[in-house]
Amino acid sequence: VFNATNVNSNVIEMVFDELVQIEKPNETVIVTPHQKRMPVIRAVSNRVQVELRDTLLPNTTYTIDFTSAIVDNNEKNPLEKFSISFSTGDIGDYVAGSGKVLAANNLEPVKGIYVGLHSNLDDSAFIKIPFERISRTNEKGEFTIRGVAPGKYRIYALDDVVRSYKYDNQSNAIAFLDTIIVPSFTPASRTDTLFN
């Protein structure tokens, strides 16, 4: 169930209304918070199963972002921007933040770069600690970080080939916003018009 709470199972299964496949799950699926051991992700018939091999952390919101990894069996059409979130506690953190990463030298979108948040505001946090929340840019340089808790964050973009989600190789390209961000949301409603 989407946005479920008090989840204590390491196996998450989703059922679709058609046959599906997973393409390059180790390259495209992003699990947040960072997993030390790569999850097992498989598709069988119309089901997708994710087995998290790390111990679930208490009172934590997990997000599994499939990006475009799930495709239908026949035409290979991707299910774009599909993700699922759940919490191991009584409440979940379901705020999402979006943006776009552009190259500084030509202002072109940067495809496939990881974008992450740190609540540890120390300048050296991105060298020592993996990102708390992670996303990856699409071909337009767009990203959405999901499962963000209230607080203050620094945001970084990192070309992370080994997926350590921290700056541990000086050959990796890196970018950052020099201001602290504070995610917030405002409830909004729109009245629809009905005609008789």
Protein backbone atom coordinates (compact mmCIF):
# COMPACT_ATOMS: atom_id res chain seq x y z
CA VAL A 1 0.00 0.00 0.00
CA PHE A 2 1.35 3.42 -0.92
CA ASN A 3 2.44 5.54 2.07
CA ALA A 4 1.84 2.66 4.48
CA THR A 5 2.98 3.07 8.08
CA ASN A 6 4.39 0.62 10.65
CA VAL A 7 5.89 -1.53 7.90
CA ASN A 8 8.21 -4.23 9.27
CA SER A 9 8.72 -6.41 6.19
CA ASN A 10 11.88 -6.22 4.08
CA VAL A 11 9.97 -7.48 1.05
CA ILE A 12 7.74 -5.05 -0.86
CA GLU A 13 5.56 -6.41 -3.67
CA MET A 14 3.51 -4.49 -6.21
CA VAL A 15 0.89 -6.02 -8.51
CA PHE A 16 0.17 -4.47 -11.92
CA ASP A 17 -2.72 -5.04 -14.33
CA GLU A 18 -0.40 -6.29 -17.09
CA LEU A 19 2.84 -8.22 -17.51
CA VAL A 20 5.88 -6.11 -16.63
CA GLN A 21 9.66 -6.30 -16.71
CA ILE A 22 12.43 -4.49 -14.86
CA GLU A 23 15.19 -2.99 -17.01
CA LYS A 24 18.63 -2.39 -15.46
CA PRO A 25 17.38 -2.28 -11.85
CA ASN A 26 20.89 -1.97 -10.39
CA GLU A 27 21.47 1.15 -12.48
CA THR A 28 18.08 2.86 -12.42
CA VAL A 29 16.22 2.02 -9.18
CA ILE A 30 17.08 4.25 -6.23
CA VAL A 31 16.26 3.24 -2.66
CA THR A 32 16.37 5.89 0.03
CA PRO A 33 17.77 5.90 2.67
CA HIS A 34 20.96 4.52 1.15
CA GLN A 35 21.28 0.74 1.36
CA LYS A 36 24.70 -0.75 2.14
CA ARG A 37 23.73 -4.01 0.44
CA MET A 38 22.08 -3.74 -2.97
CA PRO A 39 18.39 -4.71 -2.83
CA VAL A 40 17.14 -7.65 -4.90
CA ILE A 41 14.68 -6.31 -7.47
CA ARG A 42 12.79 -8.66 -9.76
CA ALA A 43 9.70 -8.85 -11.94
CA VAL A 44 7.66 -12.03 -12.31
CA SER A 45 4.57 -11.95 -14.50
CA ASN A 46 2.57 -8.90 -13.33
CA ARG A 47 4.42 -8.48 -10.03
CA VAL A 48 7.47 -6.46 -9.03
CA GLN A 49 9.22 -7.46 -5.84
CA VAL A 50 11.88 -5.51 -3.94
CA GLU A 51 13.78 -7.26 -1.17
CA LEU A 52 15.70 -4.84 1.06
CA ARG A 53 18.71 -6.70 2.44
CA ASP A 54 19.66 -4.09 5.06
CA THR A 55 17.84 -4.02 8.40
CA LEU A 56 14.96 -1.54 8.34
CA LEU A 57 15.63 1.55 10.47
CA PRO A 58 12.98 2.49 13.06
CA ASN A 59 10.71 5.51 12.44
CA THR A 60 12.10 6.02 8.95
CA THR A 61 10.43 6.76 5.63
CA TYR A 62 11.70 4.62 2.77
CA THR A 63 11.29 5.53 -0.88
CA ILE A 64 11.83 3.18 -3.80
CA ASP A 65 12.12 5.28 -6.96
CA PHE A 66 11.90 3.12 -10.07
CA THR A 67 12.58 6.08 -12.41
CA SER A 68 11.83 4.38 -15.77
CA ALA A 69 12.89 0.81 -14.88
CA ILE A 70 9.42 -0.77 -15.00
CA VAL A 71 8.29 -1.45 -18.58
CA ASP A 72 5.33 -3.33 -20.00
CA ASN A 73 6.14 -6.77 -21.38
CA ASN A 74 4.99 -6.24 -24.98
CA GLU A 75 5.97 -2.77 -26.15
CA LYS A 76 8.55 -1.92 -23.48
CA ASN A 77 6.83 1.37 -22.65
CA PRO A 78 8.32 2.68 -19.37
CA LEU A 79 6.21 3.60 -16.37
CA GLU A 80 7.80 7.03 -15.90
CA LYS A 81 8.46 8.58 -12.48
CA PHE A 82 6.96 5.68 -10.54
CA SER A 83 7.89 5.43 -6.88
CA ILE A 84 6.53 3.98 -3.69
CA SER A 85 7.05 5.21 -0.12
CA PHE A 86 6.39 3.62 3.26
CA SER A 87 7.32 4.25 6.87
CA THR A 88 8.54 1.95 9.62
CA GLY A 89 6.98 4.29 12.18
CA ASP A 90 3.54 5.68 12.97
CA ILE A 91 3.89 8.58 10.53
CA GLY A 92 5.70 9.06 7.25
CA ASP A 93 7.54 11.93 5.62
CA TYR A 94 6.01 12.44 2.20
CA VAL A 95 7.12 15.94 1.15
CA ALA A 96 8.84 15.96 -2.24
CA GLY A 97 11.11 18.59 -3.75
CA SER A 98 11.87 19.00 -7.44
CA GLY A 99 14.36 20.91 -9.50
CA LYS A 100 16.63 20.88 -12.50
CA VAL A 101 20.41 20.48 -12.82
CA LEU A 102 22.15 22.50 -15.55
CA ALA A 103 25.80 22.45 -16.57
CA ALA A 104 27.51 25.69 -15.55
CA ASN A 105 29.52 26.03 -18.78
CA ASN A 106 26.61 25.81 -21.27
CA LEU A 107 23.37 25.71 -19.22
CA GLU A 108 22.42 22.39 -20.82
CA PRO A 109 20.48 19.85 -18.70
CA VAL A 110 22.66 17.26 -16.93
CA LYS A 111 21.31 13.74 -17.42
CA GLY A 112 21.82 10.89 -14.92
CA ILE A 113 23.44 12.82 -12.08
CA TYR A 114 22.49 12.03 -8.48
CA VAL A 115 20.96 14.77 -6.36
CA GLY A 116 20.94 14.37 -2.60
CA LEU A 117 20.05 16.08 0.65
CA HIS A 118 21.96 16.31 3.93
CA SER A 119 20.45 17.48 7.21
CA ASN A 120 24.00 17.51 8.61
CA LEU A 121 24.91 21.07 7.59
CA ASP A 122 28.69 20.66 8.08
CA ASP A 123 30.68 21.49 4.95
CA SER A 124 32.34 18.08 5.06
CA ALA A 125 29.15 15.99 5.47
CA PHE A 126 28.95 15.14 1.75
CA ILE A 127 32.46 13.63 1.94
CA LYS A 128 31.85 11.45 5.01
CA ILE A 129 28.15 10.51 4.97
CA PRO A 130 25.91 9.19 2.15
CA PHE A 131 23.00 11.40 1.12
CA GLU A 132 19.94 11.01 3.34
CA ARG A 133 17.47 11.39 0.47
CA ILE A 134 18.45 10.71 -3.13
CA SER A 135 17.15 11.24 -6.64
CA ARG A 136 18.61 11.10 -10.14
CA THR A 137 18.07 13.48 -13.04
CA ASN A 138 16.22 12.40 -16.16
CA GLU A 139 17.20 13.32 -19.73
CA LYS A 140 15.88 16.86 -19.16
CA GLY A 141 17.99 17.31 -16.01
CA GLU A 142 14.88 17.16 -13.81
CA PHE A 143 14.77 15.42 -10.44
CA THR A 144 12.32 14.83 -7.59
CA ILE A 145 13.52 13.95 -4.10
CA ARG A 146 10.77 12.17 -2.17
CA GLY A 147 10.23 11.32 1.49
CA VAL A 148 11.71 14.53 2.88
CA ALA A 149 11.19 15.20 6.59
CA PRO A 150 10.76 18.71 7.99
CA GLY A 151 14.10 20.36 8.68
CA LYS A 152 17.00 22.24 7.13
CA TYR A 153 19.09 20.74 4.34
CA ARG A 154 22.01 21.25 2.04
CA ILE A 155 21.53 19.96 -1.50
CA TYR A 156 24.22 18.50 -3.76
CA ALA A 157 24.48 17.04 -7.25
CA LEU A 158 27.08 14.32 -7.74
CA ASP A 159 28.24 12.26 -10.73
CA ASP A 160 28.59 9.11 -8.64
CA VAL A 161 29.56 6.12 -10.78
CA VAL A 162 29.97 3.68 -7.85
CA ARG A 163 26.75 4.83 -6.11
CA SER A 164 28.31 5.53 -2.72
CA TYR A 165 26.15 8.69 -2.58
CA LYS A 166 29.00 10.73 -1.16
CA TYR A 167 31.95 12.62 -2.65
CA ASP A 168 34.70 10.04 -2.28
CA ASN A 169 36.38 10.36 -5.68
CA GLN A 170 37.89 13.65 -6.83
CA SER A 171 37.19 12.80 -10.48
CA ASN A 172 33.42 12.94 -9.78
CA ALA A 173 31.69 16.11 -10.91
CA ILE A 174 29.93 17.90 -8.07
CA ALA A 175 27.60 20.86 -7.66
CA PHE A 176 25.85 22.37 -4.68
CA LEU A 177 23.49 25.12 -3.73
CA ASP A 178 25.24 27.57 -1.42
CA THR A 179 22.12 28.29 0.63
CA ILE A 180 20.31 26.09 3.12
CA ILE A 181 16.89 24.90 1.97
CA VAL A 182 13.87 24.41 4.22
CA PRO A 183 11.20 22.27 2.54
CA SER A 184 7.64 23.34 3.18
CA PHE A 185 4.22 22.85 1.70
CA THR A 186 0.98 24.76 1.52
CA PRO A 187 -2.34 22.95 1.22
CA ALA A 188 -4.17 24.00 -1.92
CA SER A 189 -7.56 23.16 -3.35
CA ARG A 190 -9.26 23.88 -6.58
CA THR A 191 -13.01 24.02 -6.99
CA ASP A 192 -14.29 22.07 -9.94
CA THR A 193 -17.34 23.13 -11.89
CA LEU A 194 -20.25 20.76 -12.43
CA PHE A 195 -22.86 21.36 -15.11
CA ASN A 196 -26.37 19.93 -14.97
